[in-house]
Amino acid sequence: MRLLTTNLLNLTRRDDGIKPEIETLDSSFFDKVFTNYATIAEESEKGFTAQNQVGRSIKTDKTLMKQLMTILFDNAIKYTEDDGQVTLTVRTNDRHLYITVADNGPGIADEDKKKIFDRFYRVDEARTRQKGGFGLGLSLAQQIVLALKGTIIVKDNQPKGTIFEVKITGV
């Protein structure tokens, strides 16, 4: 219930147009976050690969960035079977930050891809009842990406699974 309340408050704040608090982060920020994710993946009996290809400092909101990556990572862990694999990659070029989260779980049907960023939307009631959640995480992720002046897309990971790709501009 606490998670639901927190996510609802965060969504409401995004609707009110709260501006990101931009600061300079060095690439070690991502390594620290990845260390926590590796522990969670191990406890969940999932494989986890992290690739930090950020070779420079970036300007973004530290809290929003961590929250965004955590939402995408948590979803990947939640919907990947035991002994499955989750990969999280961050990289930059001279103008953008790219975040890619890939898993080899069951994937998302094309008709559901159009709705997964809607509040309270859950792909499969039976599956989500077993996995938990309220259908708010990806909606919040999209709001964070928009606040950071970015885009987020979802696509298939072949031969199975899902890939979320985020592009943040002007970092």
N, C-alpha and C. Protein backbone atom coordinates (compact mmCIF):
# COMPACT_ATOMS: atom_id res chain seq x y z
N MET A 1 0.82 -1.19 0.00
CA MET A 1 0.00 0.00 0.00
C MET A 1 0.87 1.26 0.00
N ARG A 2 2.00 1.19 0.72
CA ARG A 2 2.91 2.34 0.77
C ARG A 2 3.47 2.64 -0.62
N LEU A 3 3.83 1.59 -1.37
CA LEU A 3 4.34 1.78 -2.73
C LEU A 3 3.29 2.43 -3.62
N LEU A 4 2.04 1.98 -3.50
CA LEU A 4 0.95 2.56 -4.29
C LEU A 4 0.82 4.05 -3.98
N THR A 5 0.83 4.40 -2.71
CA THR A 5 0.70 5.80 -2.31
C THR A 5 1.87 6.63 -2.84
N THR A 6 3.07 6.12 -2.72
CA THR A 6 4.25 6.82 -3.22
C THR A 6 4.16 7.04 -4.71
N ASN A 7 3.79 6.01 -5.46
CA ASN A 7 3.68 6.14 -6.91
C ASN A 7 2.59 7.12 -7.31
N LEU A 8 1.46 7.10 -6.61
CA LEU A 8 0.39 8.05 -6.91
C LEU A 8 0.84 9.48 -6.64
N LEU A 9 1.53 9.69 -5.53
CA LEU A 9 2.04 11.03 -5.24
C LEU A 9 3.04 11.49 -6.29
N ASN A 10 3.91 10.60 -6.70
CA ASN A 10 4.89 10.95 -7.73
C ASN A 10 4.20 11.29 -9.05
N LEU A 11 3.18 10.53 -9.43
CA LEU A 11 2.46 10.82 -10.66
C LEU A 11 1.76 12.17 -10.57
N THR A 12 1.18 12.46 -9.42
CA THR A 12 0.51 13.74 -9.23
C THR A 12 1.50 14.89 -9.34
N ARG A 13 2.67 14.72 -8.76
CA ARG A 13 3.69 15.76 -8.87
C ARG A 13 4.10 15.98 -10.31
N ARG A 14 4.22 14.92 -11.07
CA ARG A 14 4.59 15.05 -12.49
C ARG A 14 3.49 15.81 -13.24
N ASP A 15 2.22 15.53 -12.90
CA ASP A 15 1.12 16.22 -13.55
C ASP A 15 1.15 17.72 -13.25
N ASP A 16 1.64 18.08 -12.07
CA ASP A 16 1.71 19.49 -11.69
C ASP A 16 2.90 20.20 -12.31
N GLY A 17 3.70 19.48 -13.07
CA GLY A 17 4.80 20.10 -13.79
C GLY A 17 6.03 20.41 -12.96
N ILE A 18 6.31 19.64 -11.94
CA ILE A 18 7.51 19.86 -11.14
C ILE A 18 8.73 19.70 -12.03
N LYS A 19 9.62 20.61 -11.92
CA LYS A 19 10.82 20.63 -12.76
C LYS A 19 11.91 19.75 -12.16
N PRO A 20 12.65 19.06 -13.00
CA PRO A 20 13.78 18.28 -12.51
C PRO A 20 14.83 19.19 -11.87
N GLU A 21 15.51 18.68 -10.88
CA GLU A 21 16.61 19.39 -10.23
C GLU A 21 17.91 18.90 -10.86
N ILE A 22 18.40 19.65 -11.82
CA ILE A 22 19.55 19.24 -12.62
C ILE A 22 20.84 19.43 -11.83
N GLU A 23 21.66 18.40 -11.86
CA GLU A 23 22.99 18.46 -11.26
C GLU A 23 23.94 17.66 -12.13
N THR A 24 25.22 17.80 -11.87
CA THR A 24 26.22 17.06 -12.63
C THR A 24 26.51 15.74 -11.94
N LEU A 25 26.42 14.66 -12.71
CA LEU A 25 26.71 13.31 -12.21
C LEU A 25 27.86 12.74 -13.00
N ASP A 26 28.80 12.09 -12.30
CA ASP A 26 29.84 11.40 -13.06
C ASP A 26 29.39 9.96 -13.30
N SER A 27 30.11 9.27 -14.14
CA SER A 27 29.67 7.94 -14.57
C SER A 27 29.64 6.93 -13.43
N SER A 28 30.34 7.19 -12.33
CA SER A 28 30.33 6.26 -11.20
C SER A 28 28.94 6.17 -10.55
N PHE A 29 28.11 7.18 -10.75
CA PHE A 29 26.73 7.13 -10.27
C PHE A 29 26.05 5.85 -10.74
N PHE A 30 26.23 5.51 -12.01
CA PHE A 30 25.58 4.33 -12.56
C PHE A 30 26.16 3.04 -11.97
N ASP A 31 27.47 3.01 -11.75
CA ASP A 31 28.09 1.82 -11.15
C ASP A 31 27.51 1.54 -9.76
N LYS A 32 27.29 2.59 -8.98
CA LYS A 32 26.73 2.42 -7.64
C LYS A 32 25.31 1.86 -7.72
N VAL A 33 24.52 2.38 -8.63
CA VAL A 33 23.15 1.89 -8.81
C VAL A 33 23.18 0.43 -9.26
N PHE A 34 24.07 0.12 -10.19
CA PHE A 34 24.15 -1.25 -10.71
C PHE A 34 24.54 -2.26 -9.63
N THR A 35 25.37 -1.84 -8.68
CA THR A 35 25.76 -2.74 -7.59
C THR A 35 24.53 -3.19 -6.80
N ASN A 36 23.63 -2.27 -6.51
CA ASN A 36 22.39 -2.62 -5.81
C ASN A 36 21.54 -3.56 -6.65
N TYR A 37 21.45 -3.30 -7.94
CA TYR A 37 20.64 -4.14 -8.82
C TYR A 37 21.20 -5.56 -8.90
N ALA A 38 22.51 -5.68 -8.89
CA ALA A 38 23.13 -7.01 -8.96
C ALA A 38 22.74 -7.85 -7.75
N THR A 39 22.68 -7.22 -6.59
CA THR A 39 22.27 -7.93 -5.37
C THR A 39 20.82 -8.38 -5.48
N ILE A 40 19.96 -7.50 -5.94
CA ILE A 40 18.53 -7.84 -6.10
C ILE A 40 18.36 -8.97 -7.10
N ALA A 41 19.07 -8.91 -8.20
CA ALA A 41 18.96 -9.96 -9.22
C ALA A 41 19.41 -11.30 -8.66
N GLU A 42 20.50 -11.29 -7.92
CA GLU A 42 21.00 -12.54 -7.33
C GLU A 42 19.98 -13.13 -6.36
N GLU A 43 19.40 -12.28 -5.53
CA GLU A 43 18.39 -12.74 -4.58
C GLU A 43 17.15 -13.27 -5.29
N SER A 44 16.88 -12.76 -6.48
CA SER A 44 15.72 -13.17 -7.27
C SER A 44 16.02 -14.34 -8.20
N GLU A 45 17.25 -14.84 -8.12
CA GLU A 45 17.71 -15.95 -8.96
C GLU A 45 17.61 -15.62 -10.45
N LYS A 46 17.99 -14.38 -10.78
CA LYS A 46 18.04 -13.93 -12.16
C LYS A 46 19.47 -13.54 -12.50
N GLY A 47 19.84 -13.71 -13.76
CA GLY A 47 21.13 -13.21 -14.21
C GLY A 47 21.02 -11.72 -14.47
N PHE A 48 22.09 -10.98 -14.20
CA PHE A 48 22.09 -9.54 -14.44
C PHE A 48 23.42 -9.11 -15.02
N THR A 49 23.34 -8.38 -16.12
CA THR A 49 24.52 -7.80 -16.74
C THR A 49 24.31 -6.29 -16.82
N ALA A 50 25.29 -5.54 -16.35
CA ALA A 50 25.24 -4.09 -16.42
C ALA A 50 26.40 -3.60 -17.26
N GLN A 51 26.11 -2.67 -18.14
CA GLN A 51 27.14 -2.08 -18.99
C GLN A 51 27.09 -0.57 -18.85
N ASN A 52 28.09 -0.01 -18.21
CA ASN A 52 28.20 1.43 -18.07
C ASN A 52 29.17 1.94 -19.13
N GLN A 53 28.61 2.51 -20.18
CA GLN A 53 29.41 3.06 -21.28
C GLN A 53 29.36 4.58 -21.28
N VAL A 54 29.08 5.16 -20.11
CA VAL A 54 29.04 6.61 -19.97
C VAL A 54 30.46 7.06 -19.67
N GLY A 55 31.06 7.74 -20.62
CA GLY A 55 32.45 8.12 -20.49
C GLY A 55 32.68 9.56 -20.07
N ARG A 56 31.64 10.21 -19.58
CA ARG A 56 31.77 11.62 -19.20
C ARG A 56 30.72 11.96 -18.15
N SER A 57 30.85 13.13 -17.57
CA SER A 57 29.83 13.61 -16.65
C SER A 57 28.59 13.99 -17.45
N ILE A 58 27.43 13.86 -16.79
CA ILE A 58 26.17 14.25 -17.44
C ILE A 58 25.42 15.19 -16.51
N LYS A 59 24.48 15.93 -17.09
CA LYS A 59 23.64 16.84 -16.31
C LYS A 59 22.22 16.32 -16.37
N THR A 60 21.72 15.91 -15.19
CA THR A 60 20.36 15.39 -15.10
C THR A 60 19.92 15.43 -13.65
N ASP A 61 18.71 15.00 -13.39
CA ASP A 61 18.19 14.90 -12.04
C ASP A 61 18.54 13.53 -11.48
N LYS A 62 19.37 13.51 -10.46
CA LYS A 62 19.86 12.25 -9.88
C LYS A 62 18.72 11.37 -9.36
N THR A 63 17.80 11.97 -8.64
CA THR A 63 16.69 11.20 -8.05
C THR A 63 15.79 10.63 -9.13
N LEU A 64 15.43 11.44 -10.11
CA LEU A 64 14.57 10.95 -11.19
C LEU A 64 15.27 9.87 -12.01
N MET A 65 16.56 10.05 -12.24
CA MET A 65 17.31 9.06 -13.03
C MET A 65 17.32 7.71 -12.31
N LYS A 66 17.59 7.74 -11.02
CA LYS A 66 17.61 6.48 -10.27
C LYS A 66 16.22 5.86 -10.23
N GLN A 67 15.20 6.68 -10.04
CA GLN A 67 13.83 6.16 -10.00
C GLN A 67 13.44 5.54 -11.34
N LEU A 68 13.79 6.18 -12.43
CA LEU A 68 13.49 5.66 -13.76
C LEU A 68 14.15 4.31 -13.98
N MET A 69 15.44 4.23 -13.71
CA MET A 69 16.14 2.97 -13.93
C MET A 69 15.60 1.87 -13.01
N THR A 70 15.24 2.23 -11.79
CA THR A 70 14.71 1.25 -10.85
C THR A 70 13.37 0.70 -11.31
N ILE A 71 12.51 1.55 -11.81
CA ILE A 71 11.21 1.08 -12.33
C ILE A 71 11.43 0.08 -13.46
N LEU A 72 12.28 0.43 -14.41
CA LEU A 72 12.50 -0.45 -15.56
C LEU A 72 13.19 -1.74 -15.14
N PHE A 73 14.17 -1.65 -14.24
CA PHE A 73 14.85 -2.84 -13.74
C PHE A 73 13.88 -3.73 -12.97
N ASP A 74 13.10 -3.15 -12.07
CA ASP A 74 12.14 -3.94 -11.28
C ASP A 74 11.15 -4.68 -12.17
N ASN A 75 10.64 -4.00 -13.20
CA ASN A 75 9.72 -4.67 -14.13
C ASN A 75 10.39 -5.84 -14.82
N ALA A 76 11.62 -5.64 -15.25
CA ALA A 76 12.34 -6.72 -15.94
C ALA A 76 12.55 -7.91 -15.00
N ILE A 77 12.96 -7.65 -13.78
CA ILE A 77 13.16 -8.73 -12.80
C ILE A 77 11.83 -9.43 -12.50
N LYS A 78 10.79 -8.65 -12.33
CA LYS A 78 9.48 -9.20 -11.96
C LYS A 78 8.94 -10.15 -13.02
N TYR A 79 9.11 -9.81 -14.29
CA TYR A 79 8.48 -10.59 -15.35
C TYR A 79 9.43 -11.52 -16.09
N THR A 80 10.61 -11.72 -15.54
CA THR A 80 11.55 -12.68 -16.11
C THR A 80 11.54 -13.93 -15.24
N GLU A 81 11.46 -15.08 -15.87
CA GLU A 81 11.41 -16.33 -15.12
C GLU A 81 12.71 -16.56 -14.34
N ASP A 82 12.64 -17.49 -13.37
CA ASP A 82 13.85 -17.88 -12.65
C ASP A 82 14.92 -18.30 -13.66
N ASP A 83 16.15 -17.97 -13.35
CA ASP A 83 17.30 -18.22 -14.23
C ASP A 83 17.24 -17.40 -15.51
N GLY A 84 16.33 -16.43 -15.59
CA GLY A 84 16.27 -15.54 -16.74
C GLY A 84 17.40 -14.52 -16.68
N GLN A 85 17.46 -13.67 -17.69
CA GLN A 85 18.55 -12.70 -17.80
C GLN A 85 18.00 -11.30 -18.01
N VAL A 86 18.56 -10.33 -17.28
CA VAL A 86 18.23 -8.92 -17.44
C VAL A 86 19.53 -8.18 -17.74
N THR A 87 19.49 -7.32 -18.74
CA THR A 87 20.66 -6.51 -19.11
C THR A 87 20.28 -5.04 -19.07
N LEU A 88 21.10 -4.24 -18.42
CA LEU A 88 20.88 -2.80 -18.35
C LEU A 88 22.14 -2.12 -18.89
N THR A 89 21.95 -1.30 -19.91
CA THR A 89 23.07 -0.59 -20.53
C THR A 89 22.80 0.91 -20.49
N VAL A 90 23.81 1.68 -20.12
CA VAL A 90 23.75 3.14 -20.22
C VAL A 90 24.93 3.59 -21.07
N ARG A 91 24.66 4.55 -21.95
CA ARG A 91 25.73 5.08 -22.80
C ARG A 91 25.37 6.51 -23.17
N THR A 92 26.37 7.24 -23.62
CA THR A 92 26.17 8.61 -24.05
C THR A 92 26.84 8.84 -25.39
N ASN A 93 26.36 9.87 -26.06
CA ASN A 93 27.14 10.48 -27.13
C ASN A 93 27.29 11.94 -26.73
N ASP A 94 27.61 12.81 -27.64
CA ASP A 94 27.85 14.20 -27.24
C ASP A 94 26.60 14.95 -26.80
N ARG A 95 25.40 14.43 -27.09
CA ARG A 95 24.18 15.17 -26.77
C ARG A 95 23.13 14.37 -25.99
N HIS A 96 23.25 13.05 -25.94
CA HIS A 96 22.17 12.23 -25.38
C HIS A 96 22.68 11.17 -24.41
N LEU A 97 21.78 10.78 -23.52
CA LEU A 97 21.99 9.62 -22.66
C LEU A 97 21.00 8.56 -23.12
N TYR A 98 21.49 7.34 -23.27
CA TYR A 98 20.65 6.22 -23.69
C TYR A 98 20.64 5.18 -22.57
N ILE A 99 19.45 4.72 -22.22
CA ILE A 99 19.29 3.65 -21.24
C ILE A 99 18.52 2.53 -21.92
N THR A 100 19.06 1.32 -21.87
CA THR A 100 18.39 0.17 -22.45
C THR A 100 18.27 -0.91 -21.39
N VAL A 101 17.05 -1.40 -21.19
CA VAL A 101 16.79 -2.50 -20.27
C VAL A 101 16.16 -3.62 -21.08
N ALA A 102 16.83 -4.76 -21.11
CA ALA A 102 16.36 -5.91 -21.89
C ALA A 102 16.21 -7.12 -20.97
N ASP A 103 15.19 -7.93 -21.25
CA ASP A 103 15.01 -9.17 -20.51
C ASP A 103 14.60 -10.27 -21.47
N ASN A 104 14.64 -11.50 -20.99
CA ASN A 104 14.20 -12.62 -21.82
C ASN A 104 12.97 -13.29 -21.20
N GLY A 105 12.09 -12.45 -20.64
CA GLY A 105 10.82 -12.92 -20.09
C GLY A 105 9.83 -13.21 -21.20
N PRO A 106 8.54 -13.28 -20.87
CA PRO A 106 7.52 -13.66 -21.85
C PRO A 106 7.25 -12.60 -22.92
N GLY A 107 7.68 -11.38 -22.72
CA GLY A 107 7.44 -10.33 -23.70
C GLY A 107 6.08 -9.68 -23.50
N ILE A 108 5.79 -8.71 -24.35
CA ILE A 108 4.54 -7.95 -24.28
C ILE A 108 3.90 -7.99 -25.66
N ALA A 109 2.64 -8.35 -25.71
CA ALA A 109 1.91 -8.43 -26.98
C ALA A 109 1.81 -7.04 -27.61
N ASP A 110 1.77 -7.01 -28.95
CA ASP A 110 1.72 -5.73 -29.66
C ASP A 110 0.55 -4.86 -29.21
N GLU A 111 -0.63 -5.46 -28.99
CA GLU A 111 -1.79 -4.66 -28.59
C GLU A 111 -1.60 -4.06 -27.19
N ASP A 112 -0.83 -4.72 -26.35
CA ASP A 112 -0.57 -4.20 -25.01
C ASP A 112 0.50 -3.11 -25.02
N LYS A 113 1.40 -3.15 -25.98
CA LYS A 113 2.46 -2.13 -26.04
C LYS A 113 1.89 -0.73 -26.18
N LYS A 114 0.72 -0.61 -26.80
CA LYS A 114 0.09 0.70 -26.99
C LYS A 114 -0.46 1.27 -25.69
N LYS A 115 -0.66 0.40 -24.68
CA LYS A 115 -1.34 0.82 -23.46
C LYS A 115 -0.48 0.75 -22.20
N ILE A 116 0.70 0.16 -22.29
CA ILE A 116 1.44 -0.12 -21.05
C ILE A 116 1.89 1.12 -20.28
N PHE A 117 1.88 2.29 -20.93
CA PHE A 117 2.25 3.51 -20.22
C PHE A 117 1.04 4.22 -19.63
N ASP A 118 -0.16 3.64 -19.82
CA ASP A 118 -1.37 4.20 -19.22
C ASP A 118 -1.42 3.85 -17.74
N ARG A 119 -1.90 4.78 -16.93
CA ARG A 119 -2.03 4.52 -15.50
C ARG A 119 -2.96 3.35 -15.24
N PHE A 120 -2.56 2.52 -14.32
CA PHE A 120 -3.32 1.36 -13.85
C PHE A 120 -3.48 0.25 -14.89
N TYR A 121 -2.84 0.39 -16.05
CA TYR A 121 -2.95 -0.69 -17.05
C TYR A 121 -2.04 -1.83 -16.66
N ARG A 122 -2.60 -3.03 -16.70
CA ARG A 122 -1.85 -4.24 -16.41
C ARG A 122 -2.08 -5.20 -17.56
N VAL A 123 -1.01 -5.80 -18.03
CA VAL A 123 -1.06 -6.60 -19.26
C VAL A 123 -1.99 -7.79 -19.13
N ASP A 124 -1.83 -8.58 -18.09
CA ASP A 124 -2.61 -9.81 -17.95
C ASP A 124 -2.98 -9.93 -16.48
N GLU A 125 -4.27 -9.83 -16.19
CA GLU A 125 -4.71 -9.81 -14.80
C GLU A 125 -4.23 -11.01 -14.00
N ALA A 126 -4.30 -12.21 -14.58
CA ALA A 126 -3.88 -13.40 -13.85
C ALA A 126 -2.38 -13.33 -13.54
N ARG A 127 -1.60 -12.93 -14.54
CA ARG A 127 -0.15 -12.86 -14.36
C ARG A 127 0.23 -11.76 -13.37
N THR A 128 -0.40 -10.60 -13.48
CA THR A 128 -0.03 -9.50 -12.61
C THR A 128 -0.52 -9.71 -11.19
N ARG A 129 -1.60 -10.46 -11.02
CA ARG A 129 -2.06 -10.77 -9.67
C ARG A 129 -1.00 -11.60 -8.95
N GLN A 130 -0.35 -12.50 -9.67
CA GLN A 130 0.70 -13.32 -9.07
C GLN A 130 1.96 -12.49 -8.82
N LYS A 131 2.26 -11.56 -9.69
CA LYS A 131 3.50 -10.78 -9.60
C LYS A 131 3.35 -9.53 -8.74
N GLY A 132 2.12 -9.09 -8.49
CA GLY A 132 1.90 -7.88 -7.73
C GLY A 132 1.99 -6.65 -8.62
N GLY A 133 1.88 -5.50 -8.01
CA GLY A 133 1.95 -4.25 -8.75
C GLY A 133 0.58 -3.64 -8.93
N PHE A 134 0.59 -2.36 -9.31
CA PHE A 134 -0.65 -1.60 -9.42
C PHE A 134 -0.85 -0.99 -10.80
N GLY A 135 0.07 -1.23 -11.72
CA GLY A 135 -0.06 -0.64 -13.04
C GLY A 135 0.36 0.82 -13.09
N LEU A 136 1.22 1.24 -12.18
CA LEU A 136 1.65 2.63 -12.13
C LEU A 136 3.09 2.84 -12.55
N GLY A 137 3.92 1.82 -12.44
CA GLY A 137 5.35 1.97 -12.66
C GLY A 137 5.72 2.52 -14.02
N LEU A 138 5.20 1.92 -15.08
CA LEU A 138 5.58 2.37 -16.42
C LEU A 138 4.98 3.73 -16.75
N SER A 139 3.81 4.04 -16.19
CA SER A 139 3.25 5.37 -16.36
C SER A 139 4.15 6.41 -15.71
N LEU A 140 4.61 6.11 -14.52
CA LEU A 140 5.54 7.01 -13.83
C LEU A 140 6.85 7.12 -14.59
N ALA A 141 7.34 5.99 -15.11
CA ALA A 141 8.58 6.02 -15.90
C ALA A 141 8.43 6.96 -17.10
N GLN A 142 7.31 6.88 -17.78
CA GLN A 142 7.09 7.75 -18.93
C GLN A 142 7.04 9.22 -18.51
N GLN A 143 6.40 9.51 -17.38
CA GLN A 143 6.34 10.89 -16.90
C GLN A 143 7.73 11.41 -16.54
N ILE A 144 8.55 10.56 -15.95
CA ILE A 144 9.92 10.96 -15.63
C ILE A 144 10.69 11.26 -16.91
N VAL A 145 10.58 10.37 -17.89
CA VAL A 145 11.28 10.56 -19.16
C VAL A 145 10.85 11.88 -19.80
N LEU A 146 9.55 12.16 -19.80
CA LEU A 146 9.07 13.42 -20.38
C LEU A 146 9.60 14.62 -19.62
N ALA A 147 9.65 14.53 -18.29
CA ALA A 147 10.19 15.63 -17.48
C ALA A 147 11.66 15.88 -17.79
N LEU A 148 12.37 14.81 -18.16
CA LEU A 148 13.80 14.93 -18.49
C LEU A 148 14.02 15.20 -19.98
N LYS A 149 12.95 15.50 -20.69
CA LYS A 149 13.00 15.83 -22.12
C LYS A 149 13.52 14.65 -22.95
N GLY A 150 12.90 13.51 -22.72
CA GLY A 150 13.32 12.31 -23.42
C GLY A 150 12.17 11.55 -24.04
N THR A 151 12.51 10.38 -24.55
CA THR A 151 11.52 9.47 -25.13
C THR A 151 11.76 8.07 -24.57
N ILE A 152 10.70 7.28 -24.55
CA ILE A 152 10.79 5.88 -24.13
C ILE A 152 9.97 5.04 -25.10
N ILE A 153 10.56 3.94 -25.54
CA ILE A 153 9.85 3.02 -26.41
C ILE A 153 10.03 1.60 -25.88
N VAL A 154 9.10 0.74 -26.28
CA VAL A 154 9.18 -0.67 -25.92
C VAL A 154 9.16 -1.49 -27.20
N LYS A 155 9.98 -2.53 -27.23
CA LYS A 155 9.99 -3.40 -28.40
C LYS A 155 10.34 -4.81 -27.98
N ASP A 156 10.22 -5.73 -28.93
CA ASP A 156 10.50 -7.14 -28.66
C ASP A 156 11.99 -7.39 -28.57
N ASN A 157 12.35 -8.30 -27.70
CA ASN A 157 13.72 -8.80 -27.60
C ASN A 157 13.71 -10.20 -28.19
N GLN A 158 14.39 -10.41 -29.27
CA GLN A 158 14.36 -11.71 -29.96
C GLN A 158 15.36 -12.67 -29.35
N PRO A 159 15.06 -13.94 -29.13
CA PRO A 159 13.84 -14.62 -29.57
C PRO A 159 12.65 -14.40 -28.64
N LYS A 160 12.86 -13.94 -27.38
CA LYS A 160 11.72 -13.61 -26.53
C LYS A 160 12.15 -12.57 -25.51
N GLY A 161 11.17 -11.88 -24.99
CA GLY A 161 11.46 -10.87 -23.99
C GLY A 161 11.08 -9.48 -24.45
N THR A 162 11.52 -8.51 -23.68
CA THR A 162 11.16 -7.11 -23.91
C THR A 162 12.40 -6.23 -23.78
N ILE A 163 12.41 -5.16 -24.56
CA ILE A 163 13.45 -4.14 -24.46
C ILE A 163 12.78 -2.78 -24.28
N PHE A 164 13.19 -2.04 -23.26
CA PHE A 164 12.79 -0.65 -23.10
C PHE A 164 14.00 0.20 -23.45
N GLU A 165 13.78 1.17 -24.33
CA GLU A 165 14.85 2.09 -24.73
C GLU A 165 14.45 3.52 -24.37
N VAL A 166 15.33 4.17 -23.64
CA VAL A 166 15.12 5.55 -23.22
C VAL A 166 16.21 6.41 -23.85
N LYS A 167 15.81 7.57 -24.33
CA LYS A 167 16.76 8.55 -24.88
C LYS A 167 16.47 9.88 -24.19
N ILE A 168 17.46 10.39 -23.46
CA ILE A 168 17.35 11.68 -22.78
C ILE A 168 18.22 12.68 -23.53
N THR A 169 17.63 13.79 -23.90
CA THR A 169 18.31 14.80 -24.70
C THR A 169 18.98 15.86 -23.82
N GLY A 170 20.11 16.35 -24.30
CA GLY A 170 20.76 17.50 -23.68
C GLY A 170 21.45 17.24 -22.37
N VAL A 171 22.04 16.08 -22.22
CA VAL A 171 22.72 15.77 -20.96
C VAL A 171 24.18 16.13 -21.05
